[in-house]
Protein backbone atom coordinates (compact mmCIF):
# COMPACT_ATOMS: atom_id res chain seq x y z
CA MET A 1 2.84 -34.87 13.40
CA GLY A 2 5.48 -34.10 16.01
CA ILE A 3 4.81 -30.34 16.00
CA ARG A 4 4.86 -28.88 19.49
CA VAL A 5 5.06 -25.45 21.08
CA LYS A 6 7.27 -24.64 24.03
CA VAL A 7 7.82 -21.31 25.80
CA THR A 8 11.30 -20.87 27.20
CA ALA A 9 12.72 -18.21 29.52
CA GLY A 10 16.09 -18.21 31.16
CA ALA A 11 18.14 -16.54 33.85
CA GLY A 12 20.38 -14.73 31.40
CA ILE A 13 17.69 -12.22 30.42
CA ASP A 14 19.82 -9.20 31.34
CA ARG A 15 22.49 -10.22 28.84
CA TYR A 16 20.13 -10.42 25.88
CA SER A 17 17.19 -8.30 27.06
CA ARG A 18 17.46 -6.29 23.82
CA ILE A 19 16.17 -9.39 22.03
CA THR A 20 12.76 -8.74 23.56
CA MET A 21 12.26 -5.87 21.14
CA ILE A 22 9.89 -8.46 19.61
CA SER A 23 7.67 -9.55 22.48
CA SER A 24 7.91 -13.33 22.87
CA PRO A 25 9.06 -14.06 19.31
CA ARG A 26 7.71 -17.17 17.57
CA ILE A 27 10.53 -19.42 16.33
CA LEU A 28 10.13 -22.40 13.98
CA ILE A 29 12.90 -25.03 14.30
CA LEU A 30 13.32 -27.63 11.55
CA GLU A 31 15.43 -30.47 13.06
CA ASP A 32 14.86 -34.23 12.85
CA ASP A 33 17.22 -35.23 15.65
CA LEU A 34 15.65 -35.17 19.13
CA HIS A 35 18.98 -34.56 20.90
CA ASP A 36 19.81 -31.62 18.64
CA ARG A 37 16.33 -30.12 19.15
CA GLN A 38 16.79 -30.25 22.90
CA LEU A 39 20.27 -28.78 22.58
CA LEU A 40 18.94 -25.83 20.55
CA GLU A 41 16.21 -25.18 23.15
CA GLU A 42 18.70 -25.29 26.01
CA THR A 43 21.04 -22.92 24.17
CA LEU A 44 18.28 -20.37 23.63
CA LEU A 45 17.20 -20.82 27.25
CA ASN A 46 20.70 -20.20 28.54
CA GLU A 47 21.03 -17.12 26.34
CA GLY A 48 17.97 -15.62 28.07
CA LEU A 49 15.56 -15.62 25.15
CA SER A 50 11.83 -15.74 26.02
CA CYS A 51 10.08 -17.21 23.02
CA GLN A 52 7.49 -19.58 21.61
CA ILE A 53 9.09 -22.52 19.81
CA VAL A 54 7.40 -24.73 17.22
CA HIS A 55 9.25 -27.90 16.17
CA ALA A 56 9.07 -29.61 12.78
CA ARG A 57 10.91 -32.86 11.93
CA THR A 58 9.94 -33.42 8.28
CA LYS A 59 9.23 -31.52 5.09
CA GLU A 60 5.48 -32.03 5.57
CA GLU A 61 5.50 -30.73 9.15
CA PHE A 62 7.61 -27.75 8.12
CA GLN A 63 5.26 -26.83 5.28
CA VAL A 64 2.15 -27.16 7.47
CA ALA A 65 3.72 -24.96 10.17
CA LEU A 66 4.63 -22.23 7.65
CA GLU A 67 1.14 -22.15 6.17
CA LYS A 68 -0.63 -22.27 9.52
CA SER A 69 1.20 -19.56 11.50
CA GLU A 70 3.50 -16.59 11.07
CA PHE A 71 7.01 -16.75 12.58
CA ASP A 72 9.52 -14.13 13.63
CA LEU A 73 12.49 -16.46 13.00
CA ILE A 74 13.23 -19.83 11.37
CA ILE A 75 16.12 -22.09 12.43
CA SER A 76 16.89 -25.11 10.27
CA ASP A 77 19.36 -27.93 10.06
CA PHE A 78 21.16 -27.97 6.72
CA GLY A 79 20.62 -31.68 6.06
CA ILE A 80 17.28 -33.40 6.75
CA PRO A 81 16.53 -36.93 5.52
CA SER A 82 14.64 -36.70 2.18
CA TYR A 83 14.70 -32.90 2.46
CA SER A 84 17.47 -30.31 2.05
CA GLY A 85 18.04 -27.09 3.96
CA ILE A 86 18.25 -25.16 0.69
CA ALA A 87 14.75 -26.39 -0.24
CA ALA A 88 13.47 -25.38 3.19
CA LEU A 89 15.01 -21.93 2.71
CA ALA A 90 13.33 -21.57 -0.71
CA LEU A 91 9.96 -22.56 0.72
CA SER A 92 10.26 -20.13 3.62
CA ARG A 93 11.22 -17.28 1.24
CA GLN A 94 8.07 -18.07 -0.75
CA VAL A 95 5.61 -18.44 2.14
CA GLN A 96 7.07 -16.07 4.76
CA PRO A 97 9.65 -13.85 2.99
CA ASP A 98 10.04 -11.44 5.93
CA ALA A 99 11.05 -14.08 8.49
CA PRO A 100 14.86 -14.26 9.01
CA PHE A 101 16.35 -17.74 8.38
CA ILE A 102 19.35 -19.21 10.26
CA PHE A 103 21.09 -22.47 9.38
CA VAL A 104 22.48 -24.58 12.23
CA SER A 105 24.56 -27.52 11.04
CA GLY A 106 27.61 -29.57 11.76
CA THR A 107 28.25 -30.45 8.12
CA ILE A 108 27.87 -27.20 6.22
CA GLY A 109 31.02 -26.12 4.47
CA GLU A 110 32.22 -22.67 3.58
CA GLU A 111 31.06 -22.87 -0.02
CA ARG A 112 27.59 -24.02 0.93
CA ALA A 113 27.40 -21.41 3.66
CA VAL A 114 28.19 -18.64 1.17
CA GLU A 115 25.66 -20.13 -1.26
CA SER A 116 22.94 -20.15 1.42
CA LEU A 117 23.56 -16.49 2.22
CA LYS A 118 23.27 -15.61 -1.47
CA LEU A 119 19.96 -17.47 -1.60
CA GLY A 120 18.52 -15.43 1.28
CA ALA A 121 19.68 -17.01 4.53
CA THR A 122 20.31 -14.51 7.32
CA ASP A 123 23.15 -16.39 9.02
CA TYR A 124 24.59 -19.83 9.76
CA VAL A 125 25.92 -21.34 13.00
CA LEU A 126 28.00 -24.49 13.39
CA LYS A 127 26.68 -26.99 15.90
CA ASP A 128 30.03 -27.20 17.62
CA ARG A 129 29.90 -23.43 18.13
CA LEU A 130 26.37 -22.95 19.47
CA GLY A 131 27.60 -20.26 21.81
CA ARG A 132 27.20 -17.90 18.84
CA LEU A 133 23.50 -18.81 18.36
CA GLY A 134 22.14 -16.24 20.82
CA GLN A 135 24.10 -13.45 19.18
CA ALA A 136 22.95 -14.56 15.69
CA VAL A 137 19.32 -14.74 16.80
CA GLU A 138 19.52 -11.31 18.46
CA ARG A 139 20.99 -9.74 15.33
CA ALA A 140 18.46 -11.43 13.04
CA LEU A 141 15.49 -10.28 15.14
CA ARG A 142 16.86 -6.77 15.48
CA GLU A 143 17.48 -6.39 11.76
CA ALA A 144 14.05 -7.83 10.96
CA GLN A 145 12.42 -5.32 13.31
CA GLU A 146 14.43 -2.44 11.82
CA ARG A 147 13.46 -3.57 8.33
CA MET A 148 9.81 -3.78 9.36
CA GLU A 149 9.91 -0.28 10.85
CA ARG A 150 11.65 1.04 7.76
CA ASP A 151 9.09 -0.55 5.47
CA ARG A 152 6.36 0.96 7.68
CA ASN A 153 8.32 5.26 7.55
CA ILE A 154 8.29 4.21 3.60
CA LYS A 155 4.59 2.93 3.47
CA LYS A 156 3.46 5.92 5.52
CA ARG A 157 5.39 8.32 3.31
CA LYS A 158 3.88 6.82 0.19
CA GLN A 159 0.41 7.10 1.69
CA LEU A 160 1.01 10.75 2.55
CA GLU A 161 2.42 11.47 -0.90
CA GLU A 162 -0.55 9.78 -2.52
CA GLN A 163 -2.95 11.65 -0.25
CA LEU A 164 -1.23 14.96 -1.04
CA HIS A 165 -1.33 14.25 -4.76
CA GLN A 166 -5.04 13.36 -4.57
CA SER A 167 -5.75 16.43 -2.44
CA GLN A 168 -3.95 18.72 -4.89
CA LYS A 169 -5.81 17.19 -7.82
CA MET A 170 -9.17 17.53 -6.07
CA GLU A 171 -8.33 21.10 -5.05
CA ALA A 172 -7.52 22.03 -8.65
CA ILE A 173 -10.73 20.47 -9.90
CA GLY A 174 -12.59 22.18 -7.06
CA GLN A 175 -11.23 25.57 -8.09
CA LEU A 176 -12.41 24.94 -11.62
CA ALA A 177 -15.82 23.74 -10.44
CA GLY A 178 -16.19 26.77 -8.15
CA GLY A 179 -15.32 29.17 -10.96
CA ILE A 180 -17.83 27.55 -13.28
CA ALA A 181 -20.50 27.63 -10.57
CA HIS A 182 -19.88 31.33 -9.88
CA ASP A 183 -20.39 32.33 -13.51
CA PHE A 184 -23.30 29.93 -13.92
CA ASN A 185 -25.05 31.45 -10.90
CA ASN A 186 -25.16 34.82 -12.65
CA LEU A 187 -26.70 33.23 -15.73
CA LEU A 188 -29.30 31.43 -13.64
CA LEU A 189 -30.18 34.62 -11.81
CA VAL A 190 -30.86 36.35 -15.13
CA MET A 191 -32.84 33.42 -16.59
CA HIS A 192 -34.88 32.66 -13.51
CA GLY A 193 -35.41 36.29 -12.52
CA ASN A 194 -36.51 37.59 -15.91
CA ALA A 195 -38.87 34.68 -16.48
CA GLU A 196 -40.42 35.39 -13.09
CA LEU A 197 -40.70 39.11 -13.94
CA VAL A 198 -42.62 38.34 -17.10
CA LEU A 199 -44.98 36.02 -15.22
CA ARG A 200 -45.61 38.78 -12.67
CA SER A 201 -46.14 41.50 -15.26
CA ASP A 202 -49.53 42.87 -16.23
CA ASN A 203 -49.13 41.68 -19.80
CA GLU A 204 -51.69 39.10 -20.76
CA LEU A 205 -50.14 35.73 -21.45
CA ASP A 206 -51.88 32.79 -23.01
CA ASP A 207 -51.71 29.43 -21.26
CA GLN A 208 -49.02 28.12 -23.62
CA ASN A 209 -46.62 31.02 -22.99
CA ARG A 210 -47.28 30.93 -19.27
CA HIS A 211 -46.53 27.19 -19.26
CA CYS A 212 -43.29 27.78 -21.20
CA LEU A 213 -42.13 30.39 -18.70
CA LYS A 214 -42.88 28.07 -15.80
CA GLN A 215 -40.81 25.39 -17.52
CA VAL A 216 -37.91 27.84 -17.80
CA ILE A 217 -38.16 28.61 -14.07
CA ALA A 218 -38.34 24.92 -13.17
CA ALA A 219 -35.28 24.17 -15.31
CA ALA A 220 -33.40 27.07 -13.69
CA GLU A 221 -34.21 25.68 -10.26
CA ARG A 222 -32.91 22.23 -11.23
CA ALA A 223 -29.78 23.85 -12.61
CA THR A 224 -29.38 25.75 -9.33
CA ASN A 225 -29.29 22.45 -7.46
CA LEU A 226 -26.57 21.30 -9.85
CA VAL A 227 -24.59 24.46 -9.06
CA ARG A 228 -25.04 23.78 -5.35
CA GLN A 229 -23.35 20.44 -5.90
CA LEU A 230 -20.42 22.10 -7.65
CA LEU A 231 -20.10 24.64 -4.85
CA ALA A 232 -20.31 21.92 -2.21
CA PHE A 233 -17.49 20.04 -3.90
CA SER A 234 -15.36 23.17 -4.14
CA HIS A 235 -16.06 24.05 -0.45
CA LYS A 236 -17.69 27.35 -1.45
CA GLN A 237 -21.28 26.62 -0.51
CA VAL A 238 -23.01 28.43 2.36
CA ILE A 239 -23.40 26.09 5.35
CA HIS A 240 -25.97 26.58 8.09
CA PHE A 241 -24.58 24.66 11.06
CA GLN A 242 -26.92 23.46 13.76
CA PRO A 243 -26.85 20.55 16.22
CA PHE A 244 -29.17 17.65 15.41
CA ASN A 245 -29.57 13.92 15.90
CA LEU A 246 -28.62 12.02 12.77
CA ASN A 247 -31.04 9.21 13.62
CA HIS A 248 -33.97 11.64 13.37
CA VAL A 249 -32.79 13.05 10.03
CA ILE A 250 -32.40 9.57 8.54
CA ALA A 251 -35.79 8.49 9.86
CA ASN A 252 -37.45 11.48 8.18
CA LEU A 253 -35.46 10.97 5.00
CA THR A 254 -36.40 7.31 4.65
CA LYS A 255 -40.11 8.22 4.53
CA MET A 256 -39.58 9.19 0.89
CA VAL A 257 -36.85 6.68 0.07
CA ASN A 258 -39.20 3.80 -0.75
CA ARG A 259 -40.70 5.84 -3.57
CA ILE A 260 -37.19 6.40 -4.96
CA ILE A 261 -35.67 2.92 -4.69
CA GLY A 262 -38.72 0.95 -5.85
CA GLU A 263 -40.47 -2.15 -4.53
CA ASP A 264 -37.75 -4.63 -5.53
CA ILE A 265 -35.22 -3.13 -3.09
CA SER A 266 -35.67 -3.69 0.64
CA LEU A 267 -34.56 -0.98 3.04
CA GLN A 268 -33.26 -1.81 6.52
CA CYS A 269 -32.24 0.85 9.04
CA HIS A 270 -30.34 0.23 12.28
CA TYR A 271 -29.97 3.16 14.69
CA ALA A 272 -27.43 3.37 17.51
CA GLU A 273 -28.91 4.24 20.88
CA ASN A 274 -27.87 7.44 22.67
CA LEU A 275 -26.29 8.79 19.48
CA PRO A 276 -24.61 12.15 20.24
CA PRO A 277 -25.66 15.11 18.09
CA VAL A 278 -23.59 16.37 15.17
CA GLN A 279 -23.03 20.02 14.24
CA ALA A 280 -23.88 20.19 10.55
CA ASP A 281 -26.10 21.54 7.80
CA VAL A 282 -29.21 19.35 7.76
CA GLY A 283 -30.02 19.98 4.10
CA MET A 284 -26.50 19.20 2.93
CA VAL A 285 -26.32 16.00 4.99
CA GLU A 286 -29.69 14.92 3.59
CA GLN A 287 -28.46 15.62 0.06
CA ALA A 288 -25.27 13.62 0.64
CA LEU A 289 -27.23 10.63 1.97
CA MET A 290 -29.75 10.85 -0.86
CA ASN A 291 -26.93 10.74 -3.40
CA LEU A 292 -25.65 7.52 -1.83
CA ILE A 293 -29.16 6.04 -1.81
CA VAL A 294 -29.68 6.85 -5.49
CA ASN A 295 -26.28 5.34 -6.36
CA ALA A 296 -27.17 2.21 -4.41
CA ARG A 297 -30.48 1.95 -6.27
CA ASP A 298 -28.75 2.24 -9.63
CA ALA A 299 -26.28 -0.48 -8.59
CA MET A 300 -29.16 -2.96 -8.01
CA PRO A 301 -31.18 -3.01 -11.27
CA GLN A 302 -32.45 -6.49 -10.44
CA GLY A 303 -33.34 -5.59 -6.86
CA GLY A 304 -31.53 -6.24 -3.60
CA SER A 305 -31.08 -4.82 -0.11
CA LEU A 306 -30.14 -1.34 1.09
CA PHE A 307 -28.83 -0.85 4.62
CA ILE A 308 -28.45 2.39 6.57
CA GLU A 309 -26.76 2.12 9.96
CA THR A 310 -25.57 4.61 12.56
CA GLU A 311 -22.99 4.05 15.28
CA ILE A 312 -20.65 5.86 17.65
CA ALA A 313 -17.06 5.54 16.44
CA GLU A 314 -14.15 5.96 18.86
CA ILE A 315 -11.13 6.51 16.61
CA ASP A 316 -7.67 5.88 18.11
CA GLU A 317 -4.19 6.49 16.78
CA THR A 318 -3.83 2.89 15.57
CA TYR A 319 -6.87 3.33 13.35
CA VAL A 320 -5.48 6.63 12.05
CA GLU A 321 -2.22 4.92 11.04
CA ASN A 322 -4.14 2.62 8.68
CA HIS A 323 -6.65 5.27 7.50
CA PRO A 324 -4.76 8.45 6.55
CA LYS A 325 -7.91 10.59 6.22
CA ALA A 326 -9.13 9.71 9.71
CA ARG A 327 -8.62 11.68 12.93
CA ALA A 328 -8.56 10.50 16.51
CA GLY A 329 -11.62 11.31 18.61
CA THR A 330 -15.33 10.54 18.92
CA PHE A 331 -17.37 10.57 15.73
CA VAL A 332 -20.84 9.66 14.53
CA CYS A 333 -20.62 7.15 11.69
CA VAL A 334 -23.40 6.45 9.20
CA THR A 335 -22.96 3.51 6.83
CA VAL A 336 -24.91 3.18 3.59
CA SER A 337 -24.37 -0.24 2.02
CA ASP A 338 -26.00 -2.30 -0.72
CA THR A 339 -25.91 -5.75 -2.28
CA GLY A 340 -25.39 -4.40 -5.78
CA MET A 341 -22.86 -4.78 -8.57
CA GLY A 342 -19.96 -3.25 -6.67
CA ILE A 343 -17.20 -0.96 -7.95
CA ALA A 344 -14.19 -2.17 -9.90
CA ARG A 345 -10.88 -1.81 -8.07
CA GLU A 346 -9.42 0.42 -10.79
CA HIS A 347 -12.33 2.85 -10.46
CA LEU A 348 -12.20 3.27 -6.67
CA PRO A 349 -9.45 5.98 -6.65
CA ARG A 350 -11.53 8.18 -8.99
CA ILE A 351 -15.08 7.86 -7.66
CA PHE A 352 -15.02 11.24 -5.87
CA GLU A 353 -13.82 13.16 -8.91
CA PRO A 354 -16.51 15.44 -10.38
CA PHE A 355 -18.02 14.26 -13.67
CA PHE A 356 -16.47 10.80 -13.30
CA THR A 357 -19.17 8.17 -13.68
CA THR A 358 -19.43 4.53 -14.70
CA LYS A 359 -23.13 4.88 -15.51
CA GLU A 360 -24.49 4.91 -19.03
CA VAL A 361 -24.67 8.19 -20.92
CA GLY A 362 -27.64 10.23 -19.71
CA LYS A 363 -27.99 8.30 -16.44
CA GLY A 364 -25.69 10.29 -14.20
CA THR A 365 -23.94 13.64 -13.92
CA GLY A 366 -20.89 12.30 -12.12
CA LEU A 367 -21.43 14.85 -9.34
CA GLY A 368 -23.20 12.78 -6.68
CA LEU A 369 -20.11 11.39 -4.96
CA ALA A 370 -18.12 14.55 -5.64
CA MET A 371 -20.78 16.47 -3.76
CA LEU A 372 -20.68 13.91 -0.94
CA TYR A 373 -16.91 14.31 -0.68
CA GLY A 374 -17.16 18.11 -0.58
CA ILE A 375 -19.95 18.18 1.99
CA VAL A 376 -18.26 15.77 4.39
CA LYS A 377 -14.91 17.56 4.10
CA GLN A 378 -16.59 20.90 4.81
CA HIS A 379 -18.00 19.35 7.97
CA GLN A 380 -14.49 18.27 9.10
CA GLY A 381 -15.28 14.61 8.49
CA TRP A 382 -14.17 11.95 6.02
CA VAL A 383 -15.56 9.14 3.86
CA GLU A 384 -14.39 5.54 3.60
CA VAL A 385 -15.54 3.13 0.91
CA SER A 386 -15.18 -0.61 0.48
CA SER A 387 -16.46 -2.52 -2.53
CA GLN A 388 -16.04 -5.70 -4.46
CA LEU A 389 -17.49 -6.59 -7.83
CA GLY A 390 -20.62 -8.67 -7.46
CA GLU A 391 -20.74 -8.26 -3.67
CA GLY A 392 -21.94 -4.69 -3.16
CA THR A 393 -20.55 -1.44 -1.79
CA ALA A 394 -20.40 0.22 1.63
CA PHE A 395 -19.83 3.93 2.25
CA LYS A 396 -18.96 5.09 5.77
CA ILE A 397 -19.39 8.79 6.60
CA PHE A 398 -17.66 10.04 9.76
CA LEU A 399 -18.90 13.34 11.25
CA PRO A 400 -17.55 15.03 14.41
CA THR A 401 -19.89 15.06 17.38
CA ASN A 402 -21.27 18.34 18.69
CA SER A 403 -19.47 19.07 21.95
CA SER A 404 -20.71 22.64 22.40
CA GLY A 405 -23.90 21.68 24.16
CA VAL A 406 -25.89 24.10 22.03
CA LYS A 407 -29.56 23.25 21.86
CA ASN A 408 -31.32 22.87 18.54
CA THR A 409 -33.59 25.89 18.45
CA PRO A 410 -36.24 26.15 15.73
CA PRO A 411 -35.73 28.91 13.15
CA GLU A 412 -37.68 32.12 13.49
CA PRO A 413 -40.81 32.29 11.33
CA VAL A 414 -40.33 34.21 8.10
CA GLN A 415 -42.41 37.35 7.83
CA ASN A 416 -43.91 37.96 4.41
CA ASN A 417 -42.83 41.60 4.28
CA PHE A 418 -42.05 42.41 0.68
CA ALA A 419 -42.55 46.18 0.85
CA GLY A 420 -40.29 48.47 -1.13
CA GLY A 421 -39.12 51.96 -0.27
CA THR A 422 -37.68 55.24 -1.52
CA GLU A 423 -34.12 55.01 -0.21
CA LYS A 424 -31.11 55.53 -2.44
CA ILE A 425 -29.08 52.41 -3.28
CA LEU A 426 -25.64 52.07 -4.85
CA LEU A 427 -25.72 48.84 -6.88
CA VAL A 428 -22.30 47.37 -7.78
CA GLU A 429 -22.21 44.29 -10.03
CA ASP A 430 -19.74 43.44 -12.82
CA ASP A 431 -22.21 41.28 -14.78
CA PRO A 432 -24.38 43.71 -16.81
CA ASP A 433 -27.32 41.30 -17.15
CA VAL A 434 -27.45 40.67 -13.41
CA ARG A 435 -27.09 44.38 -12.71
CA LYS A 436 -29.95 45.19 -15.09
CA PHE A 437 -32.22 42.60 -13.49
CA VAL A 438 -31.53 43.71 -9.90
CA ARG A 439 -32.04 47.36 -10.83
CA HIS A 440 -35.34 46.56 -12.53
CA VAL A 441 -36.64 44.65 -9.49
CA LEU A 442 -35.71 47.35 -6.98
CA GLU A 443 -36.85 50.30 -9.06
CA ASN A 444 -40.22 48.60 -9.52
CA VAL A 445 -40.76 48.80 -5.75
CA GLY A 446 -39.71 52.45 -5.46
CA TYR A 447 -35.98 52.52 -4.70
CA LYS A 448 -33.62 54.99 -6.37
CA ILE A 449 -30.73 53.11 -7.97
CA CYS A 450 -27.25 54.18 -9.09
CA GLU A 451 -25.27 51.39 -10.67
CA ALA A 452 -21.58 50.64 -11.16
CA GLY A 453 -19.78 47.83 -12.97
CA SER A 454 -16.73 47.70 -10.68
CA GLY A 455 -15.45 48.82 -7.31
CA THR A 456 -13.38 51.59 -8.88
CA GLU A 457 -16.41 52.93 -10.77
CA ALA A 458 -18.46 52.77 -7.57
CA LEU A 459 -15.94 55.01 -5.77
CA LYS A 460 -16.34 57.65 -8.46
CA ILE A 461 -20.13 57.55 -8.20
CA TRP A 462 -19.90 57.71 -4.43
CA LYS A 463 -17.78 60.89 -4.53
CA ALA A 464 -19.98 62.49 -7.21
CA ASN A 465 -23.10 61.99 -5.07
CA ALA A 466 -21.50 63.38 -1.90
CA SER A 467 -21.99 60.02 -0.13
CA LYS A 468 -25.77 60.34 -0.13
CA PHE A 469 -26.60 56.64 -0.19
CA ASP A 470 -28.62 54.60 2.31
CA LEU A 471 -27.49 51.17 1.14
CA LEU A 472 -24.60 49.56 -0.73
CA LEU A 473 -25.70 46.42 -2.62
CA THR A 474 -22.54 44.84 -4.02
CA ASP A 475 -21.24 41.65 -5.51
CA MET A 476 -18.38 40.22 -3.44
CA VAL A 477 -16.12 38.87 -6.17
CA MET A 478 -15.30 41.50 -8.81
CA PRO A 479 -12.39 42.22 -11.15
CA GLY A 480 -10.31 45.39 -11.14
CA GLY A 481 -8.42 45.01 -7.88
CA LEU A 482 -11.24 46.15 -5.56
CA ASN A 483 -13.70 43.49 -4.38
CA GLY A 484 -16.98 44.02 -2.59
CA GLY A 485 -15.55 43.62 0.87
CA GLN A 486 -12.81 46.17 0.28
CA LEU A 487 -15.29 48.61 -1.29
CA ALA A 488 -17.66 48.31 1.66
CA GLU A 489 -14.83 48.79 4.16
CA HIS A 490 -13.74 52.00 2.39
CA LEU A 491 -17.27 53.46 2.16
CA CYS A 492 -18.17 52.56 5.75
CA GLU A 493 -15.14 54.51 6.98
CA GLU A 494 -16.66 57.63 5.42
CA GLN A 495 -20.27 56.79 6.35
CA PRO A 496 -20.35 54.43 9.35
CA LYS A 497 -24.15 54.10 9.29
CA LEU A 498 -24.21 52.89 5.69
CA LYS A 499 -26.07 49.60 5.37
CA VAL A 500 -24.46 46.92 3.19
CA ILE A 501 -25.79 43.83 1.40
CA PHE A 502 -23.32 41.46 -0.20
CA MET A 503 -24.32 39.20 -3.10
CA SER A 504 -22.38 36.12 -4.15
CA GLY A 505 -22.73 32.55 -5.30
CA TYR A 506 -19.88 31.69 -2.93
CA ASN A 507 -19.85 31.13 0.79
CA PRO A 508 -19.21 34.59 2.32
CA ALA A 509 -16.27 33.17 4.27
CA ILE A 510 -14.67 32.34 0.92
CA ALA A 511 -15.80 35.35 -1.09
CA GLY A 512 -14.58 38.05 1.30
CA LYS A 513 -15.14 40.04 4.47
CA ILE A 514 -18.65 41.06 5.57
CA GLN A 515 -18.96 44.42 7.35
CA PRO A 516 -20.51 44.57 10.85
CA ASN A 517 -23.63 46.31 9.52
CA GLY A 518 -23.89 44.08 6.46
CA CYS A 519 -26.18 41.27 5.29
CA PHE A 520 -25.62 38.51 2.75
CA ILE A 521 -27.81 37.05 0.01
CA GLN A 522 -26.74 34.12 -2.11
CA LYS A 523 -27.09 34.01 -5.85
CA PRO A 524 -29.28 33.10 -7.62
CA CYS A 525 -31.93 34.75 -5.45
CA LEU A 526 -35.70 34.90 -5.75
CA ILE A 527 -37.30 38.26 -6.43
CA ASP A 528 -39.18 38.25 -3.12
CA ALA A 529 -36.03 37.23 -1.25
CA LEU A 530 -34.12 40.13 -2.79
CA ILE A 531 -36.83 42.70 -1.96
CA LYS A 532 -37.22 41.38 1.59
CA THR A 533 -33.46 41.34 2.29
CA VAL A 534 -33.11 44.97 1.11
CA ARG A 535 -36.02 46.12 3.24
CA ASP A 536 -34.91 44.18 6.31
CA CYS A 537 -31.36 45.51 6.05
CA LEU A 538 -32.54 49.11 5.74
CA ASP A 539 -34.91 48.77 8.68
CA SER A 540 -32.42 47.03 10.94
CA ASN A 541 -30.49 48.95 13.60
CA LEU A 542 -28.48 45.90 14.67
CA LYS A 543 -24.84 45.45 13.79
CA ASN A 544 -23.51 42.20 12.42
CA LYS A 545 -26.88 40.90 11.37
CA GLY A 546 -25.10 38.03 9.69
CA PRO A 547 -25.64 36.15 6.46
CA SER A 548 -29.17 35.99 5.07
CA SER A 549 -28.66 33.41 2.37
CA GLN A 550 -31.97 33.09 0.61
CA GLY A 551 -31.94 31.58 -2.83
CA VAL A 552 -33.59 29.17 -5.20
CA SER A 553 -33.86 25.74 -3.63
């Protein structure tokens, strides 16, 4: 075809060394005359330009070259037999619009030169004045590089603006979800707790009524899991960090997966060797993975394949430039992919929004991926998704590795010590139904209870009783300008040995400050968990016992 590549480098490099801002630029020259081609090469060589040159003599060769490779610059004669320079310019603007285009001709007139510039040519050089070619090439390459860099400060800015907009939208939805979850936790505590109280009472219940109460409790527990998803999305869930190997967690999880996905879906797991541990909440990571598995199952109603793969991901700055949510460093990556229906392009930007679902009515809450997003973000990681209709979907979860060297120690065995006591407790809770339930539970095991509906009311009771309380049991988030943390701080200044238990549906780090001699219990809590936490806190002489989040699971 006559297409050939030649690399040229000359002695005049110092003069035009700034041209090398593009390392060894690729130049396509359209010229049918052999003598003129050689003259152009020699001119570039003498000007000190190191480059890769591809020659084309005809329209066909020019078109093949444009479609086969990308070029940093195109140089063309204005008149080629059976082909015009204007047509070559139009084709180059269509196939490679970013490549600068320079005409070199001995016949081009002023009018045609102006016309070519209006049509998109970068410059033109007369063949009898080739001394200007090096300068024209240098300027064209420099301007192209500047334009490329400018298009890149713009693309990055748009990505950041889009990311900020998405983050603000998700944050607003998260605040709403967290507020709903907080109020719903109180309702669940009342429903679950009172149903359990009736079951434990001495009143004789027939089998039908007992069954109905058990159904209420089971429904409350399912609703509690739904609230956990809302709290996870809004970053207000309690997290129990511990180091563990993700391969082991996935291996244990997949023991039950086959019962969930069915026989018509094959499961394949690939584990990276020597996978470093991650510092995370095992239960939350399991829940996130299970949500992806269930989504994959639903995307393959006719069967298919499900893949779970782990790997060590070394993320560099180049990767971060193309993935705004990513961070440089070493991460553990788990990929969950399927061969299902895929996700439509227009739906991809919304898949992590709570309550957004493409499933049929009654077949999804729209919280599975929202929960995944919240969990991974709480663990300082990120999620990437790729999908195409008819070709399946792949989710990649990136979690930071555990660099602390902390060993995974088994939890201490729970002692079944549900004894009550006779101590005096100040109960502070703004929800009257929750307050009534907690008082009933604790009074039934012997404690003396004084209750208040706000922090301000609690201060009045405290002063009226001459500070004769053994324990403050308080909600953390309360109206009236005095939350549980502030109330506890004020009372502990007057009575440093006062024991404190905080209650909240939120993560204590979000809800407020925990006093050094305080414990934490998450709503909605089981009756036995409440009684045990109160007794343990009263019996403890240790400061900063830390959160004791026991709740319905």
